[in-house]
Amino acid sequence: FRQWSEDVVFFQHTMSPPTAEQAEQLAARGIPVIAGAVSA
């Protein structure tokens, strides 16, 4: 989805934290990771 917008946020929700490689990829593409479950 980063291809379609520069403003993309990843909600970790119920997943485990991204691996080191994934975290680097997200950071390199300017995609913040927000911890915590989405409730609504």
PDB file of all heavy atoms in Angstrom:
ATOM      1  N   PHE A   1       0.816  -1.212   0.000  1.00  0.00           N
ATOM      2  CA  PHE A   1       0.000   0.000   0.000  1.00  0.00           C
ATOM      3  C   PHE A   1       0.849   1.260   0.000  1.00  0.00           C
ATOM      4  O   PHE A   1       0.372   2.340  -0.379  1.00  0.00           O
ATOM      5  CB  PHE A   1      -0.982  -0.001   1.178  1.00  0.00           C
ATOM      6  CG  PHE A   1      -2.314  -0.601   0.831  1.00  0.00           C
ATOM      7  CD1 PHE A   1      -2.604  -1.923   1.142  1.00  0.00           C
ATOM      8  CD2 PHE A   1      -3.271   0.142   0.164  1.00  0.00           C
ATOM      9  CE1 PHE A   1      -3.828  -2.478   0.808  1.00  0.00           C
ATOM     10  CE2 PHE A   1      -4.494  -0.399  -0.186  1.00  0.00           C
ATOM     11  CZ  PHE A   1      -4.785  -1.719   0.138  1.00  0.00           C
ATOM     12  N   ARG A   2       2.104   1.166   0.391  1.00  0.00           N
ATOM     13  CA  ARG A   2       3.003   2.323   0.340  1.00  0.00           C
ATOM     14  C   ARG A   2       3.175   2.824  -1.091  1.00  0.00           C
ATOM     15  O   ARG A   2       3.491   3.990  -1.325  1.00  0.00           O
ATOM     16  CB  ARG A   2       4.350   1.922   0.957  1.00  0.00           C
ATOM     17  CG  ARG A   2       5.399   3.009   0.916  1.00  0.00           C
ATOM     18  CD  ARG A   2       4.983   4.245   1.713  1.00  0.00           C
ATOM     19  NE  ARG A   2       6.041   5.235   1.669  1.00  0.00           N
ATOM     20  CZ  ARG A   2       6.292   6.046   0.637  1.00  0.00           C
ATOM     21  NH1 ARG A   2       5.514   5.987  -0.457  1.00  0.00           N
ATOM     22  NH2 ARG A   2       7.283   6.903   0.676  1.00  0.00           N
ATOM     23  N   GLN A   3       2.918   1.942  -2.078  1.00  0.00           N
ATOM     24  CA  GLN A   3       2.977   2.357  -3.480  1.00  0.00           C
ATOM     25  C   GLN A   3       1.887   3.369  -3.817  1.00  0.00           C
ATOM     26  O   GLN A   3       2.058   4.206  -4.708  1.00  0.00           O
ATOM     27  CB  GLN A   3       2.842   1.121  -4.383  1.00  0.00           C
ATOM     28  CG  GLN A   3       2.701   1.404  -5.860  1.00  0.00           C
ATOM     29  CD  GLN A   3       3.935   2.081  -6.448  1.00  0.00           C
ATOM     30  OE1 GLN A   3       5.025   1.984  -5.900  1.00  0.00           O
ATOM     31  NE2 GLN A   3       3.764   2.757  -7.569  1.00  0.00           N
ATOM     32  N   TRP A   4       0.775   3.327  -3.102  1.00  0.00           N
ATOM     33  CA  TRP A   4      -0.362   4.186  -3.412  1.00  0.00           C
ATOM     34  C   TRP A   4      -0.455   5.429  -2.510  1.00  0.00           C
ATOM     35  O   TRP A   4      -1.216   6.333  -2.795  1.00  0.00           O
ATOM     36  CB  TRP A   4      -1.663   3.385  -3.306  1.00  0.00           C
ATOM     37  CG  TRP A   4      -1.930   2.535  -4.514  1.00  0.00           C
ATOM     38  CD1 TRP A   4      -2.681   2.869  -5.600  1.00  0.00           C
ATOM     39  CD2 TRP A   4      -1.439   1.215  -4.777  1.00  0.00           C
ATOM     40  NE1 TRP A   4      -2.697   1.847  -6.517  1.00  0.00           N
ATOM     41  CE2 TRP A   4      -1.939   0.815  -6.035  1.00  0.00           C
ATOM     42  CE3 TRP A   4      -0.626   0.326  -4.063  1.00  0.00           C
ATOM     43  CZ2 TRP A   4      -1.648  -0.432  -6.605  1.00  0.00           C
ATOM     44  CZ3 TRP A   4      -0.338  -0.919  -4.632  1.00  0.00           C
ATOM     45  CH2 TRP A   4      -0.851  -1.280  -5.876  1.00  0.00           C
ATOM     46  N   SER A   5       0.289   5.428  -1.443  1.00  0.00           N
ATOM     47  CA  SER A   5       0.239   6.586  -0.537  1.00  0.00           C
ATOM     48  C   SER A   5       1.538   6.695   0.255  1.00  0.00           C
ATOM     49  O   SER A   5       2.143   5.682   0.619  1.00  0.00           O
ATOM     50  CB  SER A   5      -0.945   6.439   0.431  1.00  0.00           C
ATOM     51  OG  SER A   5      -0.929   7.479   1.395  1.00  0.00           O
ATOM     52  N   GLU A   6       1.950   7.941   0.528  1.00  0.00           N
ATOM     53  CA  GLU A   6       3.130   8.166   1.365  1.00  0.00           C
ATOM     54  C   GLU A   6       2.782   8.140   2.846  1.00  0.00           C
ATOM     55  O   GLU A   6       3.671   8.117   3.692  1.00  0.00           O
ATOM     56  CB  GLU A   6       3.770   9.514   1.011  1.00  0.00           C
ATOM     57  CG  GLU A   6       4.339   9.568  -0.399  1.00  0.00           C
ATOM     58  CD  GLU A   6       5.006  10.902  -0.696  1.00  0.00           C
ATOM     59  OE1 GLU A   6       4.955  11.803   0.184  1.00  0.00           O
ATOM     60  OE2 GLU A   6       5.585  11.048  -1.788  1.00  0.00           O
ATOM     61  N   ASP A   7       1.475   8.133   3.154  1.00  0.00           N
ATOM     62  CA  ASP A   7       1.021   8.169   4.544  1.00  0.00           C
ATOM     63  C   ASP A   7       0.405   6.826   4.917  1.00  0.00           C
ATOM     64  O   ASP A   7      -0.810   6.636   4.875  1.00  0.00           O
ATOM     65  CB  ASP A   7       0.004   9.303   4.727  1.00  0.00           C
ATOM     66  CG  ASP A   7      -0.406   9.488   6.172  1.00  0.00           C
ATOM     67  OD1 ASP A   7       0.104   8.751   7.047  1.00  0.00           O
ATOM     68  OD2 ASP A   7      -1.253  10.361   6.444  1.00  0.00           O
ATOM     69  N   VAL A   8       1.269   5.885   5.264  1.00  0.00           N
ATOM     70  CA  VAL A   8       0.835   4.550   5.657  1.00  0.00           C
ATOM     71  C   VAL A   8       1.342   4.255   7.063  1.00  0.00           C
ATOM     72  O   VAL A   8       2.512   4.483   7.367  1.00  0.00           O
ATOM     73  CB  VAL A   8       1.346   3.471   4.677  1.00  0.00           C
ATOM     74  CG1 VAL A   8       0.944   2.072   5.145  1.00  0.00           C
ATOM     75  CG2 VAL A   8       0.834   3.729   3.270  1.00  0.00           C
ATOM     76  N   VAL A   9       0.456   3.755   7.897  1.00  0.00           N
ATOM     77  CA  VAL A   9       0.797   3.374   9.269  1.00  0.00           C
ATOM     78  C   VAL A   9       0.474   1.902   9.456  1.00  0.00           C
ATOM     79  O   VAL A   9      -0.573   1.420   8.990  1.00  0.00           O
ATOM     80  CB  VAL A   9       0.003   4.224  10.291  1.00  0.00           C
ATOM     81  CG1 VAL A   9       0.107   3.635  11.692  1.00  0.00           C
ATOM     82  CG2 VAL A   9       0.495   5.658  10.283  1.00  0.00           C
ATOM     83  N   PHE A  10       1.375   1.172  10.138  1.00  0.00           N
ATOM     84  CA  PHE A  10       1.134  -0.241  10.426  1.00  0.00           C
ATOM     85  C   PHE A  10       0.736  -0.397  11.883  1.00  0.00           C
ATOM     86  O   PHE A  10       1.498  -0.052  12.798  1.00  0.00           O
ATOM     87  CB  PHE A  10       2.389  -1.068  10.144  1.00  0.00           C
ATOM     88  CG  PHE A  10       2.205  -2.536  10.404  1.00  0.00           C
ATOM     89  CD1 PHE A  10       1.461  -3.320   9.539  1.00  0.00           C
ATOM     90  CD2 PHE A  10       2.769  -3.140  11.525  1.00  0.00           C
ATOM     91  CE1 PHE A  10       1.273  -4.669   9.772  1.00  0.00           C
ATOM     92  CE2 PHE A  10       2.594  -4.490  11.766  1.00  0.00           C
ATOM     93  CZ  PHE A  10       1.842  -5.261  10.894  1.00  0.00           C
ATOM     94  N   PHE A  11      -0.492  -0.908  12.089  1.00  0.00           N
ATOM     95  CA  PHE A  11      -0.968  -1.187  13.443  1.00  0.00           C
ATOM     96  C   PHE A  11      -0.607  -2.634  13.785  1.00  0.00           C
ATOM     97  O   PHE A  11      -1.104  -3.565  13.148  1.00  0.00           O
ATOM     98  CB  PHE A  11      -2.483  -0.984  13.530  1.00  0.00           C
ATOM     99  CG  PHE A  11      -2.914   0.445  13.346  1.00  0.00           C
ATOM    100  CD1 PHE A  11      -3.396   0.886  12.124  1.00  0.00           C
ATOM    101  CD2 PHE A  11      -2.818   1.352  14.390  1.00  0.00           C
ATOM    102  CE1 PHE A  11      -3.796   2.202  11.951  1.00  0.00           C
ATOM    103  CE2 PHE A  11      -3.223   2.669  14.235  1.00  0.00           C
ATOM    104  CZ  PHE A  11      -3.699   3.105  13.010  1.00  0.00           C
ATOM    105  N   GLN A  12       0.238  -2.791  14.789  1.00  0.00           N
ATOM    106  CA  GLN A  12       0.691  -4.123  15.151  1.00  0.00           C
ATOM    107  C   GLN A  12      -0.471  -5.005  15.593  1.00  0.00           C
ATOM    108  O   GLN A  12      -0.456  -6.216  15.391  1.00  0.00           O
ATOM    109  CB  GLN A  12       1.737  -4.034  16.262  1.00  0.00           C
ATOM    110  CG  GLN A  12       2.426  -5.345  16.568  1.00  0.00           C
ATOM    111  CD  GLN A  12       3.523  -5.134  17.603  1.00  0.00           C
ATOM    112  OE1 GLN A  12       4.321  -4.197  17.513  1.00  0.00           O
ATOM    113  NE2 GLN A  12       3.548  -5.998  18.601  1.00  0.00           N
ATOM    114  N   HIS A  13      -1.463  -4.396  16.228  1.00  0.00           N
ATOM    115  CA  HIS A  13      -2.682  -5.089  16.659  1.00  0.00           C
ATOM    116  C   HIS A  13      -2.321  -6.306  17.521  1.00  0.00           C
ATOM    117  O   HIS A  13      -1.682  -6.161  18.538  1.00  0.00           O
ATOM    118  CB  HIS A  13      -3.529  -5.447  15.439  1.00  0.00           C
ATOM    119  CG  HIS A  13      -4.906  -5.912  15.745  1.00  0.00           C
ATOM    120  ND1 HIS A  13      -5.730  -5.265  16.649  1.00  0.00           N
ATOM    121  CD2 HIS A  13      -5.630  -6.984  15.280  1.00  0.00           C
ATOM    122  CE1 HIS A  13      -6.884  -5.904  16.729  1.00  0.00           C
ATOM    123  NE2 HIS A  13      -6.850  -6.940  15.917  1.00  0.00           N
ATOM    124  N   THR A  14      -2.705  -7.494  17.111  1.00  0.00           N
ATOM    125  CA  THR A  14      -2.448  -8.687  17.922  1.00  0.00           C
ATOM    126  C   THR A  14      -1.220  -9.462  17.462  1.00  0.00           C
ATOM    127  O   THR A  14      -0.932 -10.542  17.990  1.00  0.00           O
ATOM    128  CB  THR A  14      -3.670  -9.618  17.881  1.00  0.00           C
ATOM    129  OG1 THR A  14      -3.956  -9.943  16.521  1.00  0.00           O
ATOM    130  CG2 THR A  14      -4.897  -8.943  18.501  1.00  0.00           C
ATOM    131  N   MET A  15      -0.477  -8.932  16.504  1.00  0.00           N
ATOM    132  CA  MET A  15       0.696  -9.618  15.991  1.00  0.00           C
ATOM    133  C   MET A  15       1.896  -9.425  16.910  1.00  0.00           C
ATOM    134  O   MET A  15       1.965  -8.475  17.687  1.00  0.00           O
ATOM    135  CB  MET A  15       1.049  -9.111  14.585  1.00  0.00           C
ATOM    136  CG  MET A  15       0.119  -9.586  13.491  1.00  0.00           C
ATOM    137  SD  MET A  15       0.636  -8.996  11.855  1.00  0.00           S
ATOM    138  CE  MET A  15       2.280  -9.739  11.710  1.00  0.00           C
ATOM    139  N   SER A  16       2.862 -10.318  16.748  1.00  0.00           N
ATOM    140  CA  SER A  16       4.144 -10.129  17.424  1.00  0.00           C
ATOM    141  C   SER A  16       4.859  -8.950  16.771  1.00  0.00           C
ATOM    142  O   SER A  16       4.563  -8.589  15.622  1.00  0.00           O
ATOM    143  CB  SER A  16       5.006 -11.388  17.297  1.00  0.00           C
ATOM    144  OG  SER A  16       4.360 -12.506  17.873  1.00  0.00           O
ATOM    145  N   PRO A  17       5.809  -8.341  17.479  1.00  0.00           N
ATOM    146  CA  PRO A  17       6.547  -7.229  16.872  1.00  0.00           C
ATOM    147  C   PRO A  17       7.236  -7.674  15.593  1.00  0.00           C
ATOM    148  O   PRO A  17       7.609  -8.850  15.449  1.00  0.00           O
ATOM    149  CB  PRO A  17       7.564  -6.860  17.955  1.00  0.00           C
ATOM    150  CG  PRO A  17       6.966  -7.341  19.228  1.00  0.00           C
ATOM    151  CD  PRO A  17       6.205  -8.588  18.867  1.00  0.00           C
ATOM    152  N   PRO A  18       7.409  -6.787  14.640  1.00  0.00           N
ATOM    153  CA  PRO A  18       8.125  -7.136  13.409  1.00  0.00           C
ATOM    154  C   PRO A  18       9.526  -7.642  13.716  1.00  0.00           C
ATOM    155  O   PRO A  18      10.145  -7.224  14.701  1.00  0.00           O
ATOM    156  CB  PRO A  18       8.163  -5.813  12.621  1.00  0.00           C
ATOM    157  CG  PRO A  18       7.036  -5.009  13.175  1.00  0.00           C
ATOM    158  CD  PRO A  18       6.928  -5.384  14.615  1.00  0.00           C
ATOM    159  N   THR A  19      10.013  -8.545  12.867  1.00  0.00           N
ATOM    160  CA  THR A  19      11.393  -8.986  12.996  1.00  0.00           C
ATOM    161  C   THR A  19      12.317  -7.808  12.684  1.00  0.00           C
ATOM    162  O   THR A  19      11.874  -6.760  12.177  1.00  0.00           O
ATOM    163  CB  THR A  19      11.693 -10.136  12.031  1.00  0.00           C
ATOM    164  OG1 THR A  19      11.581  -9.642  10.678  1.00  0.00           O
ATOM    165  CG2 THR A  19      10.718 -11.291  12.235  1.00  0.00           C
ATOM    166  N   ALA A  20      13.594  -7.980  12.957  1.00  0.00           N
ATOM    167  CA  ALA A  20      14.556  -6.905  12.687  1.00  0.00           C
ATOM    168  C   ALA A  20      14.547  -6.529  11.204  1.00  0.00           C
ATOM    169  O   ALA A  20      14.587  -5.342  10.843  1.00  0.00           O
ATOM    170  CB  ALA A  20      15.948  -7.346  13.120  1.00  0.00           C
ATOM    171  N   GLU A  21      14.480  -7.544  10.337  1.00  0.00           N
ATOM    172  CA  GLU A  21      14.456  -7.273   8.898  1.00  0.00           C
ATOM    173  C   GLU A  21      13.183  -6.528   8.503  1.00  0.00           C
ATOM    174  O   GLU A  21      13.227  -5.572   7.716  1.00  0.00           O
ATOM    175  CB  GLU A  21      14.558  -8.588   8.120  1.00  0.00           C
ATOM    176  CG  GLU A  21      14.541  -8.394   6.610  1.00  0.00           C
ATOM    177  CD  GLU A  21      14.586  -9.714   5.847  1.00  0.00           C
ATOM    178  OE1 GLU A  21      14.450 -10.775   6.482  1.00  0.00           O
ATOM    179  OE2 GLU A  21      14.742  -9.671   4.610  1.00  0.00           O
ATOM    180  N   GLN A  22      12.033  -6.976   9.018  1.00  0.00           N
ATOM    181  CA  GLN A  22      10.775  -6.308   8.703  1.00  0.00           C
ATOM    182  C   GLN A  22      10.741  -4.887   9.230  1.00  0.00           C
ATOM    183  O   GLN A  22      10.279  -3.959   8.537  1.00  0.00           O
ATOM    184  CB  GLN A  22       9.616  -7.113   9.291  1.00  0.00           C
ATOM    185  CG  GLN A  22       9.387  -8.465   8.628  1.00  0.00           C
ATOM    186  CD  GLN A  22       8.419  -9.328   9.407  1.00  0.00           C
ATOM    187  OE1 GLN A  22       8.261  -9.179  10.630  1.00  0.00           O
ATOM    188  NE2 GLN A  22       7.749 -10.250   8.719  1.00  0.00           N
ATOM    189  N   ALA A  23      11.234  -4.688  10.446  1.00  0.00           N
ATOM    190  CA  ALA A  23      11.261  -3.346  11.029  1.00  0.00           C
ATOM    191  C   ALA A  23      12.113  -2.413  10.184  1.00  0.00           C
ATOM    192  O   ALA A  23      11.765  -1.236   9.982  1.00  0.00           O
ATOM    193  CB  ALA A  23      11.789  -3.411  12.454  1.00  0.00           C
ATOM    194  N   GLU A  24      13.220  -2.913   9.668  1.00  0.00           N
ATOM    195  CA  GLU A  24      14.081  -2.096   8.818  1.00  0.00           C
ATOM    196  C   GLU A  24      13.370  -1.737   7.515  1.00  0.00           C
ATOM    197  O   GLU A  24      13.457  -0.593   7.035  1.00  0.00           O
ATOM    198  CB  GLU A  24      15.375  -2.851   8.531  1.00  0.00           C
ATOM    199  CG  GLU A  24      16.377  -2.053   7.700  1.00  0.00           C
ATOM    200  CD  GLU A  24      17.647  -2.821   7.443  1.00  0.00           C
ATOM    201  OE1 GLU A  24      17.569  -4.022   7.079  1.00  0.00           O
ATOM    202  OE2 GLU A  24      18.741  -2.221   7.589  1.00  0.00           O
ATOM    203  N   GLN A  25      12.672  -2.708   6.943  1.00  0.00           N
ATOM    204  CA  GLN A  25      11.949  -2.443   5.704  1.00  0.00           C
ATOM    205  C   GLN A  25      10.880  -1.380   5.914  1.00  0.00           C
ATOM    206  O   GLN A  25      10.737  -0.448   5.102  1.00  0.00           O
ATOM    207  CB  GLN A  25      11.306  -3.740   5.193  1.00  0.00           C
ATOM    208  CG  GLN A  25      12.291  -4.779   4.702  1.00  0.00           C
ATOM    209  CD  GLN A  25      11.622  -6.100   4.386  1.00  0.00           C
ATOM    210  OE1 GLN A  25      10.535  -6.402   4.886  1.00  0.00           O
ATOM    211  NE2 GLN A  25      12.260  -6.922   3.550  1.00  0.00           N
ATOM    212  N   LEU A  26      10.110  -1.514   6.974  1.00  0.00           N
ATOM    213  CA  LEU A  26       9.059  -0.539   7.261  1.00  0.00           C
ATOM    214  C   LEU A  26       9.653   0.845   7.506  1.00  0.00           C
ATOM    215  O   LEU A  26       9.140   1.860   6.992  1.00  0.00           O
ATOM    216  CB  LEU A  26       8.243  -0.997   8.464  1.00  0.00           C
ATOM    217  CG  LEU A  26       7.397  -2.271   8.254  1.00  0.00           C
ATOM    218  CD1 LEU A  26       6.856  -2.774   9.584  1.00  0.00           C
ATOM    219  CD2 LEU A  26       6.252  -2.012   7.284  1.00  0.00           C
ATOM    220  N   ALA A  27      10.738   0.899   8.278  1.00  0.00           N
ATOM    221  CA  ALA A  27      11.371   2.196   8.565  1.00  0.00           C
ATOM    222  C   ALA A  27      11.918   2.828   7.294  1.00  0.00           C
ATOM    223  O   ALA A  27      11.787   4.045   7.081  1.00  0.00           O
ATOM    224  CB  ALA A  27      12.482   2.010   9.600  1.00  0.00           C
ATOM    225  N   ALA A  28      12.510   2.006   6.433  1.00  0.00           N
ATOM    226  CA  ALA A  28      13.079   2.536   5.191  1.00  0.00           C
ATOM    227  C   ALA A  28      12.005   3.110   4.284  1.00  0.00           C
ATOM    228  O   ALA A  28      12.272   4.050   3.523  1.00  0.00           O
ATOM    229  CB  ALA A  28      13.846   1.420   4.467  1.00  0.00           C
ATOM    230  N   ARG A  29      10.802   2.583   4.365  1.00  0.00           N
ATOM    231  CA  ARG A  29       9.707   3.068   3.546  1.00  0.00           C
ATOM    232  C   ARG A  29       8.863   4.122   4.261  1.00  0.00           C
ATOM    233  O   ARG A  29       7.841   4.561   3.740  1.00  0.00           O
ATOM    234  CB  ARG A  29       8.811   1.891   3.125  1.00  0.00           C
ATOM    235  CG  ARG A  29       9.498   0.911   2.187  1.00  0.00           C
ATOM    236  CD  ARG A  29       9.806   1.538   0.841  1.00  0.00           C
ATOM    237  NE  ARG A  29       8.614   1.578   0.001  1.00  0.00           N
ATOM    238  CZ  ARG A  29       8.457   2.385  -1.042  1.00  0.00           C
ATOM    239  NH1 ARG A  29       9.404   3.235  -1.371  1.00  0.00           N
ATOM    240  NH2 ARG A  29       7.351   2.339  -1.751  1.00  0.00           N
ATOM    241  N   GLY A  30       9.285   4.510   5.451  1.00  0.00           N
ATOM    242  CA  GLY A  30       8.569   5.566   6.165  1.00  0.00           C
ATOM    243  C   GLY A  30       7.221   5.130   6.690  1.00  0.00           C
ATOM    244  O   GLY A  30       6.269   5.931   6.723  1.00  0.00           O
ATOM    245  N   ILE A  31       7.122   3.883   7.128  1.00  0.00           N
ATOM    246  CA  ILE A  31       5.866   3.341   7.646  1.00  0.00           C
ATOM    247  C   ILE A  31       6.006   3.144   9.159  1.00  0.00           C
ATOM    248  O   ILE A  31       6.652   2.193   9.600  1.00  0.00           O
ATOM    249  CB  ILE A  31       5.515   2.002   6.970  1.00  0.00           C
ATOM    250  CG1 ILE A  31       5.414   2.170   5.444  1.00  0.00           C
ATOM    251  CG2 ILE A  31       4.199   1.439   7.526  1.00  0.00           C
ATOM    252  CD1 ILE A  31       5.230   0.864   4.692  1.00  0.00           C
ATOM    253  N   PRO A  32       5.420   4.024   9.966  1.00  0.00           N
ATOM    254  CA  PRO A  32       5.502   3.856  11.431  1.00  0.00           C
ATOM    255  C   PRO A  32       4.772   2.602  11.889  1.00  0.00           C
ATOM    256  O   PRO A  32       3.781   2.192  11.288  1.00  0.00           O
ATOM    257  CB  PRO A  32       4.813   5.116  11.968  1.00  0.00           C
ATOM    258  CG  PRO A  32       4.746   6.062  10.816  1.00  0.00           C
ATOM    259  CD  PRO A  32       4.675   5.221   9.585  1.00  0.00           C
ATOM    260  N   VAL A  33       5.277   2.009  12.976  1.00  0.00           N
ATOM    261  CA  VAL A  33       4.631   0.860  13.603  1.00  0.00           C
ATOM    262  C   VAL A  33       4.018   1.319  14.917  1.00  0.00           C
ATOM    263  O   VAL A  33       4.711   1.893  15.763  1.00  0.00           O
ATOM    264  CB  VAL A  33       5.629  -0.283  13.858  1.00  0.00           C
ATOM    265  CG1 VAL A  33       4.937  -1.442  14.593  1.00  0.00           C
ATOM    266  CG2 VAL A  33       6.236  -0.771  12.546  1.00  0.00           C
ATOM    267  N   ILE A  34       2.725   1.081  15.070  1.00  0.00           N
ATOM    268  CA  ILE A  34       2.021   1.478  16.287  1.00  0.00           C
ATOM    269  C   ILE A  34       1.642   0.212  17.050  1.00  0.00           C
ATOM    270  O   ILE A  34       0.883  -0.626  16.548  1.00  0.00           O
ATOM    271  CB  ILE A  34       0.776   2.311  15.959  1.00  0.00           C
ATOM    272  CG1 ILE A  34       1.191   3.607  15.254  1.00  0.00           C
ATOM    273  CG2 ILE A  34      -0.024   2.616  17.220  1.00  0.00           C
ATOM    274  CD1 ILE A  34       0.039   4.504  14.877  1.00  0.00           C
ATOM    275  N   ALA A  35       2.180   0.068  18.256  1.00  0.00           N
ATOM    276  CA  ALA A  35       1.891  -1.096  19.076  1.00  0.00           C
ATOM    277  C   ALA A  35       0.523  -0.957  19.729  1.00  0.00           C
ATOM    278  O   ALA A  35      -0.021   0.148  19.844  1.00  0.00           O
ATOM    279  CB  ALA A  35       2.975  -1.270  20.138  1.00  0.00           C
ATOM    280  N   GLY A  36      -0.029  -2.084  20.154  1.00  0.00           N
ATOM    281  CA  GLY A  36      -1.323  -2.066  20.823  1.00  0.00           C
ATOM    282  C   GLY A  36      -2.443  -2.521  19.919  1.00  0.00           C
ATOM    283  O   GLY A  36      -2.430  -2.269  18.707  1.00  0.00           O
ATOM    284  N   ALA A  37      -3.417  -3.197  20.529  1.00  0.00           N
ATOM    285  CA  ALA A  37      -4.541  -3.731  19.755  1.00  0.00           C
ATOM    286  C   ALA A  37      -5.490  -2.620  19.328  1.00  0.00           C
ATOM    287  O   ALA A  37      -5.721  -1.656  20.070  1.00  0.00           O
ATOM    288  CB  ALA A  37      -5.297  -4.763  20.586  1.00  0.00           C
ATOM    289  N   VAL A  38      -6.023  -2.760  18.137  1.00  0.00           N
ATOM    290  CA  VAL A  38      -7.071  -1.854  17.638  1.00  0.00           C
ATOM    291  C   VAL A  38      -8.406  -2.386  18.157  1.00  0.00           C
ATOM    292  O   VAL A  38      -8.749  -3.547  17.930  1.00  0.00           O
ATOM    293  CB  VAL A  38      -7.073  -1.793  16.102  1.00  0.00           C
ATOM    294  CG1 VAL A  38      -8.234  -0.950  15.603  1.00  0.00           C
ATOM    295  CG2 VAL A  38      -5.744  -1.263  15.589  1.00  0.00           C
ATOM    296  N   SER A  39      -9.164  -1.537  18.830  1.00  0.00           N
ATOM    297  CA  SER A  39     -10.429  -1.991  19.412  1.00  0.00           C
ATOM    298  C   SER A  39     -11.648  -1.552  18.615  1.00  0.00           C
ATOM    299  O   SER A  39     -12.690  -2.212  18.672  1.00  0.00           O
ATOM    300  CB  SER A  39     -10.564  -1.490  20.852  1.00  0.00           C
ATOM    301  OG  SER A  39     -10.577  -0.071  20.883  1.00  0.00           O
ATOM    302  N   ALA A  40     -11.537  -0.426  17.893  1.00  0.00           N
ATOM    303  CA  ALA A  40     -12.728   0.076  17.198  1.00  0.00           C
ATOM    304  C   ALA A  40     -12.345   0.937  16.005  1.00  0.00           C
ATOM    305  O   ALA A  40     -11.268   1.535  15.956  1.00  0.00           O
ATOM    306  CB  ALA A  40     -13.606   0.883  18.157  1.00  0.00           C
TER     307      ALA A  40
END
